[in-house]
Amino acid sequence: MKNRYQDLIEQTFEWPALSFNLDNEGLRFHDIPLMEVVKKFGTPLKLTYLPKIGEQIESSRRLFNEKMQKLNYQASYTYCYCTKSSHFKFVLNEVLDHDAQIETSSAFDLDLLNNLYKEGKLPKNNFILCNGFKRELYISKIADFINNGFTNTLPILDNLEELDQLFDHVNEPFQCGIRIAAEEKPNFEFYTSRLGIRHQDVVPYYKARIQSNTDVQLKMLHFFINTGITDTAYYWSELNKCVNLYCDLKAICPELDSLDIGGGFPFPNTISFDYEYRYMVEQILANIKNVCDDRGVAPPHIFTEFGSYAVAESGANLFSILGTKQQNDSELWYMIDNSFVTTLPDSWAQDQRFILIALNHWDQEYQRVNLGGLTCDSMDYYNSEVHENQVFLPKFPPSDPLVIGFFNT
């Protein structure tokens, strides 16, 4: 019976896998020798491999353009990055270096974009899709962008009052979008999303407030599903309803030409991750095109908002194991040199699982452990993975501490 940590990984997964491989020095991530990084900078350590962000943006762009050509889908594709996925300046610089457009959700986001514009990183013709429930400060900053010549700044209306607030601040005609309040998945706590305007209110609202108003044009419908893009009856049903609503509006609104299919692609949270990106892109475009063809409507330009998909696979959080605690016969704790509550809050607040791999001691015997954080909060722990409801890590001598990594964070 092989019970080294390396044997466990190789017997559980196809290895090497994803962005990982192993050499004599330990784990490599995007071919970076992580133990060398740890020796230089220590732990705890958060790192971002910037080239992966650009790869993801270009991959999405390439997939949609290839499938549009295959399906003879006569419209364009635009990639948008969601700032809420990571606000770090070095991330936003990398995103803009790859000609990505931007989606925001707060006034704070627009301050960041304004600084990037002053530094020459953000062109004035960039699309800036302004989502979220908008307070007065957010409204005024959106208006500042429009008034200052950012011609592709689109406030996406989230409620029936926002348009009047915009009229109070914007000094020239502008374009906008409308977010549709999608139905939630069947087992969710609520029936309808709190975000967006009710499906049955969209057309009457357009007729009453936008159709005859020379100060605003409706350019975009925004469709967002909290589950992300999944191959489920629920997702396809909501997409179909959204496209039919687009066709209803297009019949009376010739300026409407774009559909923003929010809800992003998933990213790997286990080494055995498998998702058919090519299939899903083709099915999305085919569904939209089929509905539009049946309704005699030209298919819309497609915008997507993929934030986590762009940045997740670039990120890692590295920790050292400070010590072990055997609290009873069956519960062994490995104590990390930080807190899950503060450094991986999604693992604590949303039970999000990440790829967890040891950086060193792959030749040692493995054992089942619980990972504990440094705070005195009883919920500051991590004890399960996506593929298995437990955690296995190598044993290690006190003189040579174990270093672990959480990846795609």
Protein backbone atom coordinates (compact mmCIF):
# COMPACT_ATOMS: atom_id res chain seq x y z
CA MET A 1 0.00 0.00 0.00
CA LYS A 2 1.46 3.31 -1.08
CA ASN A 3 0.68 6.03 1.43
CA ARG A 4 3.04 8.87 0.54
CA TYR A 5 1.40 12.20 -0.21
CA GLN A 6 2.70 12.02 -3.78
CA ASP A 7 1.05 8.61 -4.21
CA LEU A 8 -2.24 10.01 -2.90
CA ILE A 9 -2.22 12.85 -5.44
CA GLU A 10 -1.20 10.65 -8.36
CA GLN A 11 -3.79 7.99 -7.50
CA THR A 12 -6.60 10.53 -7.02
CA PHE A 13 -5.99 12.80 -10.01
CA GLU A 14 -4.40 12.83 -13.42
CA TRP A 15 -1.05 14.39 -12.61
CA PRO A 16 0.52 16.80 -13.62
CA ALA A 17 -2.71 18.78 -13.93
CA LEU A 18 -3.93 22.28 -14.73
CA SER A 19 -1.17 24.77 -13.86
CA PHE A 20 0.66 22.43 -11.46
CA ASN A 21 3.65 20.14 -11.64
CA LEU A 22 6.32 18.81 -9.30
CA ASP A 23 10.11 18.84 -9.29
CA ASN A 24 12.79 17.96 -6.74
CA GLU A 25 12.32 21.31 -4.99
CA GLY A 26 8.56 20.95 -4.56
CA LEU A 27 5.37 22.21 -6.18
CA ARG A 28 5.44 24.48 -9.22
CA PHE A 29 2.50 26.76 -10.11
CA HIS A 30 2.50 28.19 -13.65
CA ASP A 31 6.05 26.80 -13.66
CA ILE A 32 6.98 29.03 -10.69
CA PRO A 33 9.07 27.14 -8.06
CA LEU A 34 6.94 28.02 -5.06
CA MET A 35 9.38 26.91 -2.36
CA GLU A 36 11.95 29.32 -3.77
CA VAL A 37 9.34 32.08 -3.55
CA VAL A 38 8.60 31.12 0.06
CA LYS A 39 12.30 31.09 0.97
CA LYS A 40 12.62 34.62 -0.40
CA PHE A 41 9.40 36.23 0.87
CA GLY A 42 8.19 33.96 3.68
CA THR A 43 4.59 33.19 4.59
CA PRO A 44 1.76 34.03 4.77
CA LEU A 45 1.96 35.16 1.18
CA LYS A 46 -0.57 36.08 -1.49
CA LEU A 47 0.65 35.98 -5.08
CA THR A 48 -0.81 36.73 -8.50
CA TYR A 49 0.58 35.38 -11.76
CA LEU A 50 -0.43 38.21 -14.08
CA PRO A 51 0.08 36.49 -17.47
CA LYS A 52 -2.75 34.06 -16.65
CA ILE A 53 -5.23 36.94 -16.52
CA GLY A 54 -4.43 37.94 -20.08
CA GLU A 55 -4.61 34.30 -21.19
CA GLN A 56 -8.13 33.99 -19.79
CA ILE A 57 -9.35 37.18 -21.45
CA GLU A 58 -7.92 36.15 -24.82
CA SER A 59 -9.31 32.63 -24.42
CA SER A 60 -12.84 33.93 -23.86
CA ARG A 61 -12.55 36.32 -26.78
CA ARG A 62 -11.22 33.58 -29.04
CA LEU A 63 -13.95 31.09 -28.06
CA PHE A 64 -16.83 33.48 -28.71
CA ASN A 65 -15.42 34.74 -31.98
CA GLU A 66 -14.75 31.20 -33.24
CA LYS A 67 -18.27 30.04 -32.41
CA MET A 68 -19.84 33.18 -33.88
CA GLN A 69 -18.06 32.47 -37.13
CA LYS A 70 -19.10 28.81 -37.05
CA LEU A 71 -22.77 29.68 -36.45
CA ASN A 72 -22.76 32.66 -38.82
CA TYR A 73 -23.77 34.79 -35.85
CA GLN A 74 -23.76 38.28 -37.37
CA ALA A 75 -22.78 40.42 -34.39
CA SER A 76 -19.76 41.21 -32.22
CA TYR A 77 -18.44 39.94 -28.89
CA THR A 78 -17.14 42.19 -26.11
CA TYR A 79 -15.35 40.98 -22.98
CA CYS A 80 -15.96 42.93 -19.77
CA TYR A 81 -14.03 42.56 -16.53
CA CYS A 82 -15.92 42.89 -13.22
CA THR A 83 -13.90 45.12 -10.92
CA LYS A 84 -15.44 43.52 -7.83
CA SER A 85 -13.52 40.31 -8.58
CA SER A 86 -10.24 42.08 -7.78
CA HIS A 87 -9.62 45.79 -7.30
CA PHE A 88 -5.83 45.59 -7.23
CA LYS A 89 -4.21 48.13 -9.53
CA PHE A 90 -1.81 45.60 -11.02
CA VAL A 91 -4.80 43.41 -11.94
CA LEU A 92 -6.71 46.27 -13.56
CA ASN A 93 -3.60 47.31 -15.48
CA GLU A 94 -3.24 43.78 -16.84
CA VAL A 95 -6.93 43.67 -17.76
CA LEU A 96 -6.73 46.97 -19.65
CA ASP A 97 -3.51 45.89 -21.38
CA HIS A 98 -5.67 43.21 -23.03
CA ASP A 99 -8.30 45.70 -24.21
CA ALA A 100 -10.96 44.47 -21.82
CA GLN A 101 -13.99 46.62 -21.14
CA ILE A 102 -15.12 47.26 -17.56
CA GLU A 103 -18.14 46.53 -15.38
CA THR A 104 -18.55 48.41 -12.09
CA SER A 105 -20.83 48.07 -9.10
CA SER A 106 -20.02 51.06 -6.88
CA ALA A 107 -18.83 54.66 -6.76
CA PHE A 108 -15.50 53.37 -5.46
CA ASP A 109 -14.95 51.51 -8.74
CA LEU A 110 -15.33 54.73 -10.71
CA ASP A 111 -12.70 56.45 -8.55
CA LEU A 112 -10.29 53.66 -9.50
CA LEU A 113 -11.14 54.04 -13.18
CA ASN A 114 -10.71 57.80 -13.04
CA ASN A 115 -7.20 57.37 -11.64
CA LEU A 116 -6.39 54.84 -14.36
CA TYR A 117 -7.62 57.33 -16.97
CA LYS A 118 -5.36 60.05 -15.54
CA GLU A 119 -2.43 57.63 -15.85
CA GLY A 120 -3.26 56.97 -19.49
CA LYS A 121 -4.39 53.38 -18.93
CA LEU A 122 -8.13 53.78 -19.57
CA PRO A 123 -9.26 55.11 -22.98
CA LYS A 124 -12.28 57.41 -23.00
CA ASN A 125 -14.08 55.15 -25.46
CA ASN A 126 -13.88 52.09 -23.19
CA PHE A 127 -17.24 50.54 -22.36
CA ILE A 128 -18.00 51.07 -18.68
CA LEU A 129 -21.12 49.17 -17.63
CA CYS A 130 -22.37 50.58 -14.33
CA ASN A 131 -24.33 47.94 -12.47
CA GLY A 132 -25.68 47.71 -8.95
CA PHE A 133 -28.25 49.57 -6.87
CA LYS A 134 -27.14 53.17 -7.19
CA ARG A 135 -26.92 55.64 -4.33
CA GLU A 136 -26.53 59.37 -4.93
CA LEU A 137 -22.72 59.31 -4.95
CA TYR A 138 -22.59 56.50 -7.51
CA ILE A 139 -25.14 58.30 -9.70
CA SER A 140 -23.15 61.54 -9.60
CA LYS A 141 -19.90 59.81 -10.52
CA ILE A 142 -21.56 58.00 -13.43
CA ALA A 143 -22.84 61.38 -14.60
CA ASP A 144 -19.35 62.88 -14.27
CA PHE A 145 -17.97 60.20 -16.59
CA ILE A 146 -20.71 60.81 -19.18
CA ASN A 147 -20.42 64.60 -18.93
CA ASN A 148 -16.63 64.38 -19.35
CA GLY A 149 -16.80 62.53 -22.65
CA PHE A 150 -16.68 58.86 -21.66
CA THR A 151 -19.18 58.14 -24.41
CA ASN A 152 -19.54 54.42 -23.74
CA THR A 153 -20.41 54.73 -20.07
CA LEU A 154 -23.71 52.87 -19.73
CA PRO A 155 -25.67 53.04 -16.49
CA ILE A 156 -27.55 49.74 -16.21
CA LEU A 157 -30.88 50.61 -14.60
CA ASP A 158 -31.48 48.48 -11.52
CA ASN A 159 -34.76 50.07 -10.39
CA LEU A 160 -37.49 52.37 -11.66
CA GLU A 161 -36.15 55.51 -9.93
CA GLU A 162 -32.56 55.59 -11.20
CA LEU A 163 -33.37 57.21 -14.53
CA ASP A 164 -34.79 60.33 -12.87
CA GLN A 165 -31.70 60.56 -10.66
CA LEU A 166 -29.49 60.38 -13.74
CA PHE A 167 -31.48 63.11 -15.49
CA ASP A 168 -30.73 65.37 -12.50
CA HIS A 169 -26.98 65.02 -13.08
CA VAL A 170 -26.28 64.20 -16.74
CA ASN A 171 -26.03 67.24 -19.02
CA GLU A 172 -26.33 65.55 -22.42
CA PRO A 173 -28.12 62.64 -24.12
CA PHE A 174 -26.80 59.26 -23.00
CA GLN A 175 -27.29 55.54 -23.49
CA CYS A 176 -28.39 53.11 -20.81
CA GLY A 177 -29.16 49.48 -20.18
CA ILE A 178 -31.78 47.67 -18.16
CA ARG A 179 -31.05 44.77 -15.85
CA ILE A 180 -33.73 42.07 -15.88
CA ALA A 181 -34.63 40.60 -12.50
CA ALA A 182 -34.09 36.89 -13.15
CA GLU A 183 -35.92 34.11 -11.39
CA GLU A 184 -33.68 32.39 -8.85
CA LYS A 185 -32.79 28.70 -9.00
CA PRO A 186 -35.55 26.41 -7.66
CA ASN A 187 -33.91 25.62 -4.30
CA PHE A 188 -32.92 29.23 -3.52
CA GLU A 189 -34.34 31.15 -0.57
CA PHE A 190 -36.07 33.72 -2.83
CA TYR A 191 -38.09 33.34 -6.02
CA THR A 192 -36.81 36.43 -7.85
CA SER A 193 -33.49 38.26 -7.74
CA ARG A 194 -33.45 41.47 -5.70
CA LEU A 195 -31.39 43.02 -8.51
CA GLY A 196 -32.92 44.43 -11.67
CA ILE A 197 -36.37 45.39 -12.91
CA ARG A 198 -39.18 42.84 -12.98
CA HIS A 199 -39.59 41.05 -16.29
CA GLN A 200 -43.19 42.20 -16.73
CA ASP A 201 -42.26 45.84 -15.99
CA VAL A 202 -39.48 46.24 -18.57
CA VAL A 203 -41.53 46.89 -21.73
CA PRO A 204 -44.11 49.19 -20.05
CA TYR A 205 -41.28 51.10 -18.37
CA TYR A 206 -39.47 51.55 -21.68
CA LYS A 207 -42.65 52.82 -23.36
CA ALA A 208 -43.46 55.22 -20.54
CA ARG A 209 -40.02 56.65 -19.75
CA ILE A 210 -37.53 56.06 -22.57
CA GLN A 211 -39.24 55.55 -25.94
CA SER A 212 -40.18 59.19 -26.55
CA ASN A 213 -37.39 60.75 -24.51
CA THR A 214 -34.67 62.35 -26.63
CA ASP A 215 -32.25 62.50 -23.68
CA VAL A 216 -31.75 58.75 -23.32
CA GLN A 217 -31.55 55.66 -25.52
CA LEU A 218 -31.81 52.03 -24.47
CA LYS A 219 -28.81 50.16 -25.87
CA MET A 220 -28.53 47.02 -23.75
CA LEU A 221 -30.42 44.39 -21.80
CA HIS A 222 -28.51 42.81 -18.94
CA PHE A 223 -29.22 39.24 -17.91
CA PHE A 224 -27.54 37.80 -14.81
CA ILE A 225 -27.77 34.35 -13.25
CA ASN A 226 -26.28 33.83 -9.79
CA THR A 227 -25.32 30.22 -10.50
CA GLY A 228 -23.07 31.34 -13.34
CA ILE A 229 -23.18 29.72 -16.77
CA THR A 230 -24.27 26.14 -16.17
CA ASP A 231 -25.66 23.42 -18.41
CA THR A 232 -28.98 23.16 -16.56
CA ALA A 233 -32.64 23.45 -17.54
CA TYR A 234 -32.88 26.45 -15.21
CA TYR A 235 -30.11 28.37 -16.99
CA TRP A 236 -31.41 27.68 -20.50
CA SER A 237 -34.96 28.61 -19.46
CA GLU A 238 -33.86 31.97 -18.03
CA LEU A 239 -31.69 32.70 -21.07
CA ASN A 240 -34.60 31.90 -23.38
CA LYS A 241 -36.93 34.26 -21.47
CA CYS A 242 -34.32 37.01 -21.63
CA VAL A 243 -33.79 36.67 -25.38
CA ASN A 244 -37.53 36.71 -26.02
CA LEU A 245 -37.80 39.89 -23.98
CA TYR A 246 -34.96 41.34 -26.06
CA CYS A 247 -36.96 40.54 -29.20
CA ASP A 248 -40.09 42.13 -27.72
CA LEU A 249 -38.18 45.33 -27.02
CA LYS A 250 -36.27 45.34 -30.29
CA ALA A 251 -39.59 45.55 -32.17
CA ILE A 252 -40.25 48.96 -30.61
CA CYS A 253 -36.69 50.07 -29.80
CA PRO A 254 -34.40 50.08 -32.85
CA GLU A 255 -31.49 51.47 -30.80
CA LEU A 256 -31.37 48.32 -28.66
CA ASP A 257 -28.59 46.15 -30.06
CA SER A 258 -26.72 44.44 -27.19
CA LEU A 259 -27.27 41.67 -24.67
CA ASP A 260 -25.06 41.36 -21.59
CA ILE A 261 -25.12 37.76 -20.38
CA GLY A 262 -23.85 38.21 -16.85
CA GLY A 263 -23.05 35.33 -14.60
CA GLY A 264 -19.59 34.08 -15.30
CA PHE A 265 -17.82 30.94 -16.38
CA PRO A 266 -16.78 28.66 -13.52
CA PHE A 267 -13.12 28.21 -12.65
CA PRO A 268 -11.32 25.15 -11.25
CA ASN A 269 -11.85 24.54 -7.54
CA THR A 270 -10.46 21.01 -7.69
CA ILE A 271 -7.62 19.42 -9.62
CA SER A 272 -10.17 17.16 -11.34
CA PHE A 273 -12.19 20.15 -12.63
CA ASP A 274 -13.90 19.53 -15.97
CA TYR A 275 -16.06 22.06 -17.84
CA GLU A 276 -16.87 22.16 -21.53
CA TYR A 277 -16.26 25.84 -22.30
CA ARG A 278 -16.45 25.36 -26.08
CA TYR A 279 -19.73 23.48 -25.87
CA MET A 280 -21.31 26.05 -23.56
CA VAL A 281 -20.29 29.03 -25.70
CA GLU A 282 -21.69 27.37 -28.81
CA GLN A 283 -24.95 26.48 -27.06
CA ILE A 284 -25.40 30.01 -25.69
CA LEU A 285 -24.92 31.58 -29.10
CA ALA A 286 -27.03 28.94 -30.85
CA ASN A 287 -29.91 29.45 -28.40
CA ILE A 288 -29.81 33.22 -28.82
CA LYS A 289 -29.59 32.98 -32.60
CA ASN A 290 -32.42 30.42 -32.84
CA VAL A 291 -34.82 32.57 -30.81
CA CYS A 292 -33.91 35.69 -32.79
CA ASP A 293 -34.26 33.87 -36.12
CA ASP A 294 -37.69 32.55 -35.09
CA ARG A 295 -38.75 36.08 -34.13
CA GLY A 296 -37.28 37.72 -37.24
CA VAL A 297 -34.85 39.82 -35.20
CA ALA A 298 -31.15 40.38 -35.85
CA PRO A 299 -29.10 38.72 -33.07
CA PRO A 300 -27.66 41.12 -30.48
CA HIS A 301 -24.05 42.00 -29.88
CA ILE A 302 -22.88 39.90 -26.94
CA PHE A 303 -21.21 41.29 -23.82
CA THR A 304 -20.01 39.01 -21.03
CA GLU A 305 -18.90 39.86 -17.50
CA PHE A 306 -16.23 37.36 -16.51
CA GLY A 307 -14.35 38.58 -13.46
CA SER A 308 -13.48 35.57 -11.33
CA TYR A 309 -12.93 33.51 -14.48
CA ALA A 310 -10.20 35.98 -15.46
CA VAL A 311 -8.38 36.32 -12.14
CA ALA A 312 -9.00 33.15 -10.13
CA GLU A 313 -6.44 30.90 -11.80
CA SER A 314 -3.75 33.54 -11.35
CA GLY A 315 -4.02 33.61 -7.57
CA ALA A 316 -2.59 31.64 -4.65
CA ASN A 317 -2.41 32.01 -0.88
CA LEU A 318 0.53 30.28 0.80
CA PHE A 319 0.73 29.38 4.49
CA SER A 320 3.18 27.59 6.77
CA ILE A 321 2.01 25.12 9.38
CA LEU A 322 3.09 26.54 12.73
CA GLY A 323 2.33 23.42 14.71
CA THR A 324 -0.01 20.51 15.28
CA LYS A 325 -2.64 19.86 17.96
CA GLN A 326 -4.14 16.45 18.72
CA GLN A 327 -7.40 17.41 20.42
CA ASN A 328 -8.82 13.89 20.72
CA ASP A 329 -8.23 10.43 19.28
CA SER A 330 -9.56 11.35 15.83
CA GLU A 331 -9.09 15.12 15.43
CA LEU A 332 -5.65 16.39 14.48
CA TRP A 333 -5.20 20.09 13.77
CA TYR A 334 -2.60 21.79 11.59
CA MET A 335 -2.40 25.46 12.61
CA ILE A 336 -1.65 27.91 9.78
CA ASP A 337 0.23 31.18 10.21
CA ASN A 338 -2.78 33.35 9.41
CA SER A 339 -6.58 33.35 9.53
CA PHE A 340 -9.11 31.96 7.07
CA VAL A 341 -11.56 34.62 8.23
CA THR A 342 -9.34 37.46 7.04
CA THR A 343 -7.34 35.97 4.15
CA LEU A 344 -9.82 33.51 2.60
CA PRO A 345 -13.16 34.94 3.74
CA ASP A 346 -15.17 33.08 1.08
CA SER A 347 -14.10 29.78 2.64
CA TRP A 348 -15.50 30.92 5.96
CA ALA A 349 -18.56 32.95 4.93
CA GLN A 350 -19.72 31.04 1.83
CA ASP A 351 -18.13 27.62 2.36
CA GLN A 352 -16.16 28.15 -0.86
CA ARG A 353 -13.65 25.39 -1.56
CA PHE A 354 -10.30 25.94 -3.26
CA ILE A 355 -7.57 23.74 -4.66
CA LEU A 356 -5.40 22.82 -1.67
CA ILE A 357 -1.94 21.29 -2.24
CA ALA A 358 1.18 20.89 -0.12
CA LEU A 359 4.27 22.62 -1.50
CA ASN A 360 6.80 20.30 0.13
CA HIS A 361 7.14 16.92 1.88
CA TRP A 362 5.49 15.01 -0.96
CA ASP A 363 7.66 12.00 -0.05
CA GLN A 364 6.17 11.83 3.45
CA GLU A 365 3.23 9.76 4.65
CA TYR A 366 -0.10 11.60 4.53
CA GLN A 367 -2.76 11.86 7.21
CA ARG A 368 -6.20 13.33 7.70
CA VAL A 369 -6.12 16.77 9.30
CA ASN A 370 -8.20 19.85 10.07
CA LEU A 371 -6.71 23.24 9.26
CA GLY A 372 -7.08 25.92 11.92
CA GLY A 373 -6.59 29.67 11.72
CA LEU A 374 -4.96 31.91 14.30
CA THR A 375 -8.02 33.80 15.52
CA CYS A 376 -10.08 32.74 18.51
CA ASP A 377 -13.17 32.46 16.29
CA SER A 378 -14.50 28.89 16.38
CA MET A 379 -15.37 29.10 12.66
CA ASP A 380 -11.79 29.89 11.61
CA TYR A 381 -11.07 26.49 10.08
CA TYR A 382 -10.97 24.53 6.82
CA ASN A 383 -11.61 20.79 6.78
CA SER A 384 -13.01 19.59 3.45
CA GLU A 385 -12.33 19.68 -0.28
CA VAL A 386 -14.61 19.60 -3.31
CA HIS A 387 -13.76 16.04 -4.27
CA GLU A 388 -13.70 14.71 -0.69
CA ASN A 389 -15.28 15.74 2.58
CA GLN A 390 -11.93 15.79 4.37
CA VAL A 391 -8.36 17.08 4.04
CA PHE A 392 -5.22 14.99 3.71
CA LEU A 393 -1.74 16.51 4.05
CA PRO A 394 1.79 15.18 4.60
CA LYS A 395 3.35 14.52 7.96
CA PHE A 396 6.43 16.65 8.59
CA PRO A 397 9.28 17.01 11.09
CA PRO A 398 9.26 20.05 13.42
CA SER A 399 12.62 21.12 12.00
CA ASP A 400 11.22 21.48 8.45
CA PRO A 401 7.72 23.02 8.51
CA LEU A 402 5.07 22.07 5.98
CA VAL A 403 4.01 24.80 3.54
CA ILE A 404 0.58 24.59 1.89
CA GLY A 405 -1.10 26.53 -0.87
CA PHE A 406 -4.70 27.45 -1.63
CA PHE A 407 -4.96 28.04 -5.37
CA ASN A 408 -7.36 29.81 -7.72
CA THR A 409 -8.27 32.18 -4.94
